[in-house]
C-alpha atoms as a PDB file:
ATOM      1  CA  MET A   1      -1.171 203.998   2.913  1.00  0.00           C
ATOM      2  CA  THR A   2       1.387 203.454   0.179  1.00  0.00           C
ATOM      3  CA  LYS A   3       1.096 201.338  -2.930  1.00  0.00           C
ATOM      4  CA  VAL A   4       3.386 198.739  -1.322  1.00  0.00           C
ATOM      5  CA  GLN A   5       1.108 198.550   1.723  1.00  0.00           C
ATOM      6  CA  LEU A   6      -1.910 198.087  -0.529  1.00  0.00           C
ATOM      7  CA  GLU A   7      -0.142 195.304  -2.430  1.00  0.00           C
ATOM      8  CA  GLU A   8       0.661 193.572   0.876  1.00  0.00           C
ATOM      9  CA  HIS A   9      -3.091 193.259   1.447  1.00  0.00           C
ATOM     10  CA  GLN A  10      -3.421 191.253  -1.780  1.00  0.00           C
ATOM     11  CA  ASP A  11      -1.148 188.475  -0.483  1.00  0.00           C
ATOM     12  CA  PRO A  12      -3.444 187.605   2.459  1.00  0.00           C
ATOM     13  CA  ILE A  13      -6.389 187.551   0.046  1.00  0.00           C
ATOM     14  CA  ARG A  14      -4.569 184.993  -2.118  1.00  0.00           C
ATOM     15  CA  GLN A  15      -3.667 182.932   0.937  1.00  0.00           C
ATOM     16  CA  LEU A  16      -7.263 183.005   2.151  1.00  0.00           C
ATOM     17  CA  SER A  17      -8.462 182.056  -1.321  1.00  0.00           C
ATOM     18  CA  ASP A  18      -6.162 179.021  -1.252  1.00  0.00           C
ATOM     19  CA  LYS A  19      -7.509 178.070   2.191  1.00  0.00           C
ATOM     20  CA  LEU A  20     -11.061 178.467   0.900  1.00  0.00           C
ATOM     21  CA  SER A  21     -10.337 176.131  -2.018  1.00  0.00           C
ATOM     22  CA  LYS A  22      -8.903 173.534   0.349  1.00  0.00           C
ATOM     23  CA  ILE A  23     -11.922 173.751   2.671  1.00  0.00           C
ATOM     24  CA  ASP A  24     -14.290 173.490  -0.311  1.00  0.00           C
ATOM     25  CA  GLN A  25     -12.532 170.275  -1.388  1.00  0.00           C
ATOM     26  CA  GLU A  26     -12.797 168.885   2.141  1.00  0.00           C
ATOM     27  CA  ILE A  27     -16.517 169.728   2.232  1.00  0.00           C
ATOM     28  CA  THR A  28     -17.004 167.960  -1.101  1.00  0.00           C
ATOM     29  CA  ASP A  29     -15.168 164.916   0.262  1.00  0.00           C
ATOM     30  CA  ILE A  30     -17.482 164.849   3.285  1.00  0.00           C
ATOM     31  CA  HIS A  31     -20.541 165.137   1.034  1.00  0.00           C
ATOM     32  CA  HIS A  32     -19.280 162.219  -1.082  1.00  0.00           C
ATOM     33  CA  TYR A  33     -18.581 160.146   2.023  1.00  0.00           C
ATOM     34  CA  MET A  34     -22.123 160.775   3.250  1.00  0.00           C
ATOM     35  CA  GLU A  35     -23.593 160.083  -0.191  1.00  0.00           C
ATOM     36  CA  PHE A  36     -21.829 156.815  -0.930  1.00  0.00           C
ATOM     37  CA  ASN A  37     -21.820 155.192   2.515  1.00  0.00           C
ATOM     38  CA  LYS A  38     -24.686 153.816   4.535  1.00  0.00           C
ATOM     39  CA  LEU A  39     -24.128 155.469   7.910  1.00  0.00           C
ATOM     40  CA  ASN A  40     -25.668 154.499  11.218  1.00  0.00           C
ATOM     41  CA  ALA A  41     -26.836 157.206  13.619  1.00  0.00           C
ATOM     42  CA  ALA A  42     -23.466 157.653  15.312  1.00  0.00           C
ATOM     43  CA  GLU A  43     -21.555 157.743  12.026  1.00  0.00           C
ATOM     44  CA  GLY A  44     -24.108 160.117  10.540  1.00  0.00           C
ATOM     45  CA  TYR A  45     -23.760 162.461  13.487  1.00  0.00           C
ATOM     46  CA  LYS A  46     -19.952 162.386  13.267  1.00  0.00           C
ATOM     47  CA  ALA A  47     -20.122 163.187   9.545  1.00  0.00           C
ATOM     48  CA  PHE A  48     -22.611 165.986  10.195  1.00  0.00           C
ATOM     49  CA  LYS A  49     -20.438 167.427  12.977  1.00  0.00           C
ATOM     50  CA  LEU A  50     -17.343 167.316  10.757  1.00  0.00           C
ATOM     51  CA  LEU A  51     -19.282 169.026   7.964  1.00  0.00           C
ATOM     52  CA  GLN A  52     -20.605 171.670  10.357  1.00  0.00           C
ATOM     53  CA  ASP A  53     -17.099 172.403  11.659  1.00  0.00           C
ATOM     54  CA  LYS A  54     -15.765 172.790   8.115  1.00  0.00           C
ATOM     55  CA  LEU A  55     -18.658 175.097   7.196  1.00  0.00           C
ATOM     56  CA  VAL A  56     -17.966 177.290  10.234  1.00  0.00           C
ATOM     57  CA  GLU A  57     -14.282 177.400   9.275  1.00  0.00           C
ATOM     58  CA  ARG A  58     -15.271 178.299   5.692  1.00  0.00           C
ATOM     59  CA  ARG A  59     -17.485 181.142   6.947  1.00  0.00           C
ATOM     60  CA  GLY A  60     -14.567 182.549   8.959  1.00  0.00           C
ATOM     61  CA  ILE A  61     -12.309 182.495   5.901  1.00  0.00           C
ATOM     62  CA  LYS A  62     -14.941 184.215   3.766  1.00  0.00           C
ATOM     63  CA  ASP A  63     -15.457 186.878   6.442  1.00  0.00           C
ATOM     64  CA  ASP A  64     -11.703 187.505   6.598  1.00  0.00           C
ATOM     65  CA  MET A  65     -11.532 187.719   2.799  1.00  0.00           C
ATOM     66  CA  SER A  66     -14.330 190.252   2.801  1.00  0.00           C
ATOM     67  CA  LYS A  67     -12.487 192.435   5.311  1.00  0.00           C
ATOM     68  CA  PHE A  68      -9.269 192.384   3.282  1.00  0.00           C
ATOM     69  CA  GLN A  69     -11.171 193.077   0.060  1.00  0.00           C
ATOM     70  CA  MET A  70     -12.908 196.075   1.632  1.00  0.00           C
ATOM     71  CA  LEU A  71      -9.573 197.339   2.912  1.00  0.00           C
ATOM     72  CA  SER A  72      -7.910 196.957  -0.475  1.00  0.00           C
ATOM     73  CA  ALA A  73     -10.847 198.709  -2.158  1.00  0.00           C
ATOM     74  CA  THR A  74     -10.556 201.690   0.170  1.00  0.00           C
ATOM     75  CA  LYS A  75      -9.048 204.649  -1.599  1.00  0.00           C
ATOM     76  CA  VAL A  76      -5.787 205.961  -0.193  1.00  0.00           C
ATOM     77  CA  THR A  77      -7.296 209.438   0.041  1.00  0.00           C
ATOM     78  CA  ASP A  78     -10.177 208.016   2.085  1.00  0.00           C
ATOM     79  CA  VAL A  79      -7.712 206.537   4.568  1.00  0.00           C
ATOM     80  CA  PHE A  80      -5.899 209.852   4.995  1.00  0.00           C
ATOM     81  CA  ASN A  81      -9.143 211.833   5.185  1.00  0.00           C
ATOM     82  CA  GLY A  82     -10.629 209.452   7.732  1.00  0.00           C
ATOM     83  CA  THR A  83     -13.639 208.507   5.603  1.00  0.00           C
END
């Protein structure tokens, strides 16, 4: 793996970080909506479901970030040696 290939792995990490920030803002918006509005059972469930979906999406982004970070932390010699 060349230096250029390693640098290409940094771009997806930045993109994922931007996605994570956006999701975090959306989660905060949902929390504020739930905090400042009196919701009936149906509205409360819809808000919960939306929050749950965003949290699952956030987990996927964090998992992807972790994979790219592990890959970028792998030494070039380790890649060639198969370790």
